[in-house]
PDB file of N, CA and C in Angstrom:
ATOM      1  N   UNK A   1      12.969  -5.966   7.912  1.00  0.00           N
ATOM      2  CA  UNK A   1      11.426  -6.030   8.136  1.00  0.00           C
ATOM      3  C   UNK A   1      10.849  -5.515   7.007  1.00  0.00           C
ATOM      4  N   UNK A   2       9.965  -6.057   6.299  1.00  0.00           N
ATOM      5  CA  UNK A   2       9.165  -6.114   4.976  1.00  0.00           C
ATOM      6  C   UNK A   2       7.974  -4.423   5.179  1.00  0.00           C
ATOM      7  N   UNK A   3       7.940  -3.770   4.310  1.00  0.00           N
ATOM      8  CA  UNK A   3       7.304  -2.581   4.338  1.00  0.00           C
ATOM      9  C   UNK A   3       6.299  -2.826   3.585  1.00  0.00           C
ATOM     10  N   UNK A   4       4.847  -2.748   3.488  1.00  0.00           N
ATOM     11  CA  UNK A   4       3.622  -1.980   2.246  1.00  0.00           C
ATOM     12  C   UNK A   4       3.820  -0.707   2.181  1.00  0.00           C
ATOM     13  N   UNK A   5       4.254  -0.440   0.630  1.00  0.00           N
ATOM     14  CA  UNK A   5       3.715   0.541   0.617  1.00  0.00           C
ATOM     15  C   UNK A   5       2.921   1.056  -0.732  1.00  0.00           C
ATOM     16  N   UNK A   6       2.090   2.169   0.081  1.00  0.00           N
ATOM     17  CA  UNK A   6       1.007   2.035  -1.173  1.00  0.00           C
ATOM     18  C   UNK A   6       1.140   4.038  -1.319  1.00  0.00           C
ATOM     19  N   UNK A   7       0.688   4.411  -2.533  1.00  0.00           N
ATOM     20  CA  UNK A   7       0.382   5.305  -2.972  1.00  0.00           C
ATOM     21  C   UNK A   7      -0.908   5.730  -2.967  1.00  0.00           C
ATOM     22  N   UNK A   8      -2.152   6.539  -2.918  1.00  0.00           N
ATOM     23  CA  UNK A   8      -3.084   6.410  -2.922  1.00  0.00           C
ATOM     24  C   UNK A   8      -3.514   7.817  -3.179  1.00  0.00           C
ATOM     25  N   UNK A   9      -4.863   8.551  -4.614  1.00  0.00           N
ATOM     26  CA  UNK A   9      -4.825   9.161  -4.594  1.00  0.00           C
ATOM     27  C   UNK A   9      -6.134   9.838  -4.252  1.00  0.00           C
ATOM     28  N   UNK A  10      -6.655  11.191  -4.085  1.00  0.00           N
ATOM     29  CA  UNK A  10      -8.248  11.465  -3.498  1.00  0.00           C
ATOM     30  C   UNK A  10      -9.368  11.045  -4.991  1.00  0.00           C
ATOM     31  N   UNK A  11     -10.188  10.914  -4.744  1.00  0.00           N
ATOM     32  CA  UNK A  11     -11.462  10.482  -5.927  1.00  0.00           C
ATOM     33  C   UNK A  11     -11.591  11.449  -6.402  1.00  0.00           C
ATOM     34  N   UNK A  12     -12.074  12.810  -5.814  1.00  0.00           N
ATOM     35  CA  UNK A  12     -12.128  14.390  -6.031  1.00  0.00           C
ATOM     36  C   UNK A  12     -11.110  14.717  -6.750  1.00  0.00           C
ATOM     37  N   UNK A  13     -10.247  14.482  -6.336  1.00  0.00           N
ATOM     38  CA  UNK A  13      -9.065  15.219  -6.590  1.00  0.00           C
ATOM     39  C   UNK A  13      -7.805  14.600  -7.027  1.00  0.00           C
ATOM     40  N   UNK A  14      -7.847  13.763  -8.719  1.00  0.00           N
ATOM     41  CA  UNK A  14      -6.603  12.876  -8.576  1.00  0.00           C
ATOM     42  C   UNK A  14      -5.038  13.420  -8.242  1.00  0.00           C
ATOM     43  N   UNK A  15      -5.217  15.209  -8.378  1.00  0.00           N
ATOM     44  CA  UNK A  15      -3.914  15.172  -8.393  1.00  0.00           C
ATOM     45  C   UNK A  15      -3.203  15.477  -6.675  1.00  0.00           C
ATOM     46  N   UNK A  16      -4.373  15.178  -5.732  1.00  0.00           N
ATOM     47  CA  UNK A  16      -3.730  15.034  -4.485  1.00  0.00           C
ATOM     48  C   UNK A  16      -3.282  13.825  -4.406  1.00  0.00           C
ATOM     49  N   UNK A  17      -2.666  13.622  -3.654  1.00  0.00           N
ATOM     50  CA  UNK A  17      -2.075  11.668  -3.531  1.00  0.00           C
ATOM     51  C   UNK A  17      -0.823  12.078  -2.132  1.00  0.00           C
ATOM     52  N   UNK A  18      -1.269  10.739  -1.577  1.00  0.00           N
ATOM     53  CA  UNK A  18      -0.308  10.578  -0.503  1.00  0.00           C
ATOM     54  C   UNK A  18       0.134   9.309  -0.849  1.00  0.00           C
ATOM     55  N   UNK A  19       1.738   9.245  -0.050  1.00  0.00           N
ATOM     56  CA  UNK A  19       2.197   7.541  -0.173  1.00  0.00           C
ATOM     57  C   UNK A  19       2.505   7.441   1.577  1.00  0.00           C
ATOM     58  N   UNK A  20       2.104   6.191   2.070  1.00  0.00           N
ATOM     59  CA  UNK A  20       2.306   5.894   2.967  1.00  0.00           C
ATOM     60  C   UNK A  20       2.585   4.350   3.322  1.00  0.00           C
ATOM     61  N   UNK A  21       3.726   4.137   4.479  1.00  0.00           N
ATOM     62  CA  UNK A  21       4.264   2.490   4.795  1.00  0.00           C
ATOM     63  C   UNK A  21       3.893   2.151   5.412  1.00  0.00           C
ATOM     64  N   UNK A  22       3.558   1.190   5.700  1.00  0.00           N
ATOM     65  CA  UNK A  22       2.831  -0.184   6.388  1.00  0.00           C
ATOM     66  C   UNK A  22       3.767  -1.090   6.722  1.00  0.00           C
ATOM     67  N   UNK A  23       3.853  -1.345   8.089  1.00  0.00           N
ATOM     68  CA  UNK A  23       5.119  -2.649   8.069  1.00  0.00           C
ATOM     69  C   UNK A  23       4.017  -3.852   7.733  1.00  0.00           C
ATOM     70  N   UNK A  24       5.021  -4.623   8.122  1.00  0.00           N
ATOM     71  CA  UNK A  24       4.066  -6.324   7.633  1.00  0.00           C
ATOM     72  C   UNK A  24       5.369  -6.966   7.927  1.00  0.00           C
ATOM     73  N   UNK A  25       5.560  -7.120   9.457  1.00  0.00           N
ATOM     74  CA  UNK A  25       6.579  -7.491   9.704  1.00  0.00           C
ATOM     75  C   UNK A  25       6.279  -9.695   9.633  1.00  0.00           C
ATOM     76  N   UNK A  26       5.090  -9.508   9.420  1.00  0.00           N
ATOM     77  CA  UNK A  26       4.959 -11.461   9.372  1.00  0.00           C
ATOM     78  C   UNK A  26       5.055 -11.888   8.096  1.00  0.00           C
ATOM     79  N   UNK A  27       5.062 -10.976   6.957  1.00  0.00           N
ATOM     80  CA  UNK A  27       5.503 -11.416   6.013  1.00  0.00           C
ATOM     81  C   UNK A  27       6.806 -11.006   5.258  1.00  0.00           C
ATOM     82  N   UNK A  28       7.277 -12.654   4.518  1.00  0.00           N
ATOM     83  CA  UNK A  28       8.744 -12.048   3.970  1.00  0.00           C
ATOM     84  C   UNK A  28       8.611 -10.899   2.466  1.00  0.00           C
ATOM     85  N   UNK A  29       9.547 -10.578   2.319  1.00  0.00           N
ATOM     86  CA  UNK A  29       9.291 -10.183   0.904  1.00  0.00           C
ATOM     87  C   UNK A  29       8.690 -10.471  -0.540  1.00  0.00           C
ATOM     88  N   UNK A  30       8.836 -11.606  -0.394  1.00  0.00           N
ATOM     89  CA  UNK A  30       8.133 -12.292  -1.409  1.00  0.00           C
ATOM     90  C   UNK A  30       6.601 -12.789  -1.105  1.00  0.00           C
ATOM     91  N   UNK A  31       6.361 -12.652   0.084  1.00  0.00           N
ATOM     92  CA  UNK A  31       4.854 -13.026   0.480  1.00  0.00           C
ATOM     93  C   UNK A  31       4.030 -11.985   0.331  1.00  0.00           C
ATOM     94  N   UNK A  32       4.917 -10.550   0.622  1.00  0.00           N
ATOM     95  CA  UNK A  32       4.518  -9.388   0.452  1.00  0.00           C
ATOM     96  C   UNK A  32       4.170  -9.013  -1.178  1.00  0.00           C
ATOM     97  N   UNK A  33       5.016  -9.226  -2.162  1.00  0.00           N
ATOM     98  CA  UNK A  33       5.013  -9.388  -3.321  1.00  0.00           C
ATOM     99  C   UNK A  33       3.367  -9.763  -3.939  1.00  0.00           C
ATOM    100  N   UNK A  34       3.371 -11.295  -2.737  1.00  0.00           N
ATOM    101  CA  UNK A  34       1.739 -12.122  -4.106  1.00  0.00           C
ATOM    102  C   UNK A  34       1.095 -11.571  -3.370  1.00  0.00           C
ATOM    103  N   UNK A  35       1.281 -10.779  -2.190  1.00  0.00           N
ATOM    104  CA  UNK A  35      -0.200 -10.264  -1.510  1.00  0.00           C
ATOM    105  C   UNK A  35      -0.246  -8.963  -1.814  1.00  0.00           C
ATOM    106  N   UNK A  36       0.400  -8.431  -2.398  1.00  0.00           N
ATOM    107  CA  UNK A  36       0.045  -6.582  -2.390  1.00  0.00           C
ATOM    108  C   UNK A  36      -1.243  -6.571  -2.696  1.00  0.00           C
ATOM    109  N   UNK A  37      -1.716  -6.766  -3.884  1.00  0.00           N
ATOM    110  CA  UNK A  37      -2.782  -6.667  -4.356  1.00  0.00           C
ATOM    111  C   UNK A  37      -3.790  -6.755  -3.557  1.00  0.00           C
ATOM    112  N   UNK A  38      -3.768  -7.840  -2.735  1.00  0.00           N
ATOM    113  CA  UNK A  38      -4.942  -7.777  -2.151  1.00  0.00           C
ATOM    114  C   UNK A  38      -4.899  -7.239  -0.398  1.00  0.00           C
ATOM    115  N   UNK A  39      -3.789  -6.796   0.094  1.00  0.00           N
ATOM    116  CA  UNK A  39      -3.567  -5.625   0.804  1.00  0.00           C
ATOM    117  C   UNK A  39      -3.745  -4.461   0.400  1.00  0.00           C
ATOM    118  N   UNK A  40      -3.448  -3.914  -1.033  1.00  0.00           N
ATOM    119  CA  UNK A  40      -4.229  -2.738  -1.938  1.00  0.00           C
ATOM    120  C   UNK A  40      -6.363  -2.239  -1.587  1.00  0.00           C
ATOM    121  N   UNK A  41      -6.016  -3.645  -2.163  1.00  0.00           N
ATOM    122  CA  UNK A  41      -8.291  -3.701  -2.063  1.00  0.00           C
ATOM    123  C   UNK A  41      -8.695  -3.613  -0.689  1.00  0.00           C
ATOM    124  N   UNK A  42      -7.580  -4.337  -0.149  1.00  0.00           N
ATOM    125  CA  UNK A  42      -8.833  -4.142   1.496  1.00  0.00           C
ATOM    126  C   UNK A  42      -8.348  -2.530   1.924  1.00  0.00           C
ATOM    127  N   UNK A  43      -7.065  -1.966   1.682  1.00  0.00           N
ATOM    128  CA  UNK A  43      -6.627  -0.786   2.119  1.00  0.00           C
ATOM    129  C   UNK A  43      -7.931   0.294   1.670  1.00  0.00           C
ATOM    130  N   UNK A  44      -8.049   0.347   0.078  1.00  0.00           N
ATOM    131  CA  UNK A  44      -8.538   0.781  -0.440  1.00  0.00           C
ATOM    132  C   UNK A  44     -10.405   0.682  -0.194  1.00  0.00           C
ATOM    133  N   UNK A  45     -11.369  -0.108   0.178  1.00  0.00           N
ATOM    134  CA  UNK A  45     -12.063  -0.762   0.894  1.00  0.00           C
ATOM    135  C   UNK A  45     -12.410   0.372   2.433  1.00  0.00           C
ATOM    136  N   UNK A  46     -11.562   0.401   2.538  1.00  0.00           N
ATOM    137  CA  UNK A  46     -11.275   0.622   4.231  1.00  0.00           C
ATOM    138  C   UNK A  46     -10.973   2.357   3.795  1.00  0.00           C
ATOM    139  N   UNK A  47     -11.229   2.666   2.894  1.00  0.00           N
ATOM    140  CA  UNK A  47     -10.745   4.088   2.595  1.00  0.00           C
ATOM    141  C   UNK A  47     -11.862   4.626   0.911  1.00  0.00           C
ATOM    142  N   UNK A  48     -12.804   4.877   1.128  1.00  0.00           N
ATOM    143  CA  UNK A  48     -13.434   4.919  -0.327  1.00  0.00           C
ATOM    144  C   UNK A  48     -13.859   6.243  -0.501  1.00  0.00           C
ATOM    145  N   UNK A  49     -12.767   7.060   0.222  1.00  0.00           N
ATOM    146  CA  UNK A  49     -12.805   8.823  -0.811  1.00  0.00           C
ATOM    147  C   UNK A  49     -11.026   8.432  -1.923  1.00  0.00           C
ATOM    148  N   UNK A  50     -10.374   7.718  -1.205  1.00  0.00           N
ATOM    149  CA  UNK A  50      -8.990   7.167  -1.704  1.00  0.00           C
ATOM    150  C   UNK A  50      -9.195   5.943  -3.560  1.00  0.00           C
ATOM    151  N   UNK A  51      -8.191   6.445  -3.916  1.00  0.00           N
ATOM    152  CA  UNK A  51      -8.318   5.245  -4.826  1.00  0.00           C
ATOM    153  C   UNK A  51      -6.477   4.761  -4.812  1.00  0.00           C
ATOM    154  N   UNK A  52      -6.275   3.700  -4.458  1.00  0.00           N
ATOM    155  CA  UNK A  52      -4.751   3.218  -5.274  1.00  0.00           C
ATOM    156  C   UNK A  52      -3.820   3.426  -5.974  1.00  0.00           C
ATOM    157  N   UNK A  53      -3.206   4.608  -6.523  1.00  0.00           N
ATOM    158  CA  UNK A  53      -2.624   4.593  -7.395  1.00  0.00           C
ATOM    159  C   UNK A  53      -1.475   3.723  -7.921  1.00  0.00           C
ATOM    160  N   UNK A  54      -0.509   3.546  -6.937  1.00  0.00           N
ATOM    161  CA  UNK A  54       0.722   2.146  -7.069  1.00  0.00           C
ATOM    162  C   UNK A  54       0.647   1.642  -5.647  1.00  0.00           C
ATOM    163  N   UNK A  55       1.691   0.758  -5.352  1.00  0.00           N
ATOM    164  CA  UNK A  55       1.784  -0.167  -4.245  1.00  0.00           C
ATOM    165  C   UNK A  55       2.780  -0.872  -4.730  1.00  0.00           C
ATOM    166  N   UNK A  56       4.017  -1.074  -3.459  1.00  0.00           N
ATOM    167  CA  UNK A  56       5.119  -2.009  -3.202  1.00  0.00           C
ATOM    168  C   UNK A  56       4.801  -2.722  -2.250  1.00  0.00           C
ATOM    169  N   UNK A  57       6.152  -3.310  -2.286  1.00  0.00           N
ATOM    170  CA  UNK A  57       6.344  -3.969  -1.348  1.00  0.00           C
ATOM    171  C   UNK A  57       8.348  -3.393  -1.188  1.00  0.00           C
ATOM    172  N   UNK A  58       9.290  -3.277   0.128  1.00  0.00           N
ATOM    173  CA  UNK A  58      10.372  -3.072   0.485  1.00  0.00           C
ATOM    174  C   UNK A  58      10.807  -3.524   1.772  1.00  0.00           C
ATOM    175  N   UNK A  59      12.395  -3.868   1.744  1.00  0.00           N
ATOM    176  CA  UNK A  59      12.764  -4.071   3.064  1.00  0.00           C
ATOM    177  C   UNK A  59      13.192  -2.796   3.676  1.00  0.00           C
ATOM    178  N   UNK A  60      12.153  -2.248   4.592  1.00  0.00           N
ATOM    179  CA  UNK A  60      12.838  -1.011   5.484  1.00  0.00           C
ATOM    180  C   UNK A  60      14.390  -1.638   6.524  1.00  0.00           C
ATOM    181  N   UNK A  61      14.822  -0.946   6.250  1.00  0.00           N
ATOM    182  CA  UNK A  61      16.527  -0.652   6.423  1.00  0.00           C
ATOM    183  C   UNK A  61      16.790   0.263   8.140  1.00  0.00           C
ATOM    184  N   UNK A  62      14.970   0.306   8.897  1.00  0.00           N
ATOM    185  CA  UNK A  62      15.205   0.811  10.595  1.00  0.00           C
ATOM    186  C   UNK A  62      15.472  -0.045  11.002  1.00  0.00           C
TER     187      UNK A  62
END
């Protein structure tokens, strides 16, 4: 399974960051990598107190 991994930091305190994984089973790794910026932008639009610091795709080994 493919996972989208996103690290976001609070806008009011950029030293507070969290990393989360989001399964994207409908995507191949290449599809995730090409769509990662869109996924990050959509996530940021839904979480206005946070700023995306980093994002990537990976293969989950679970």
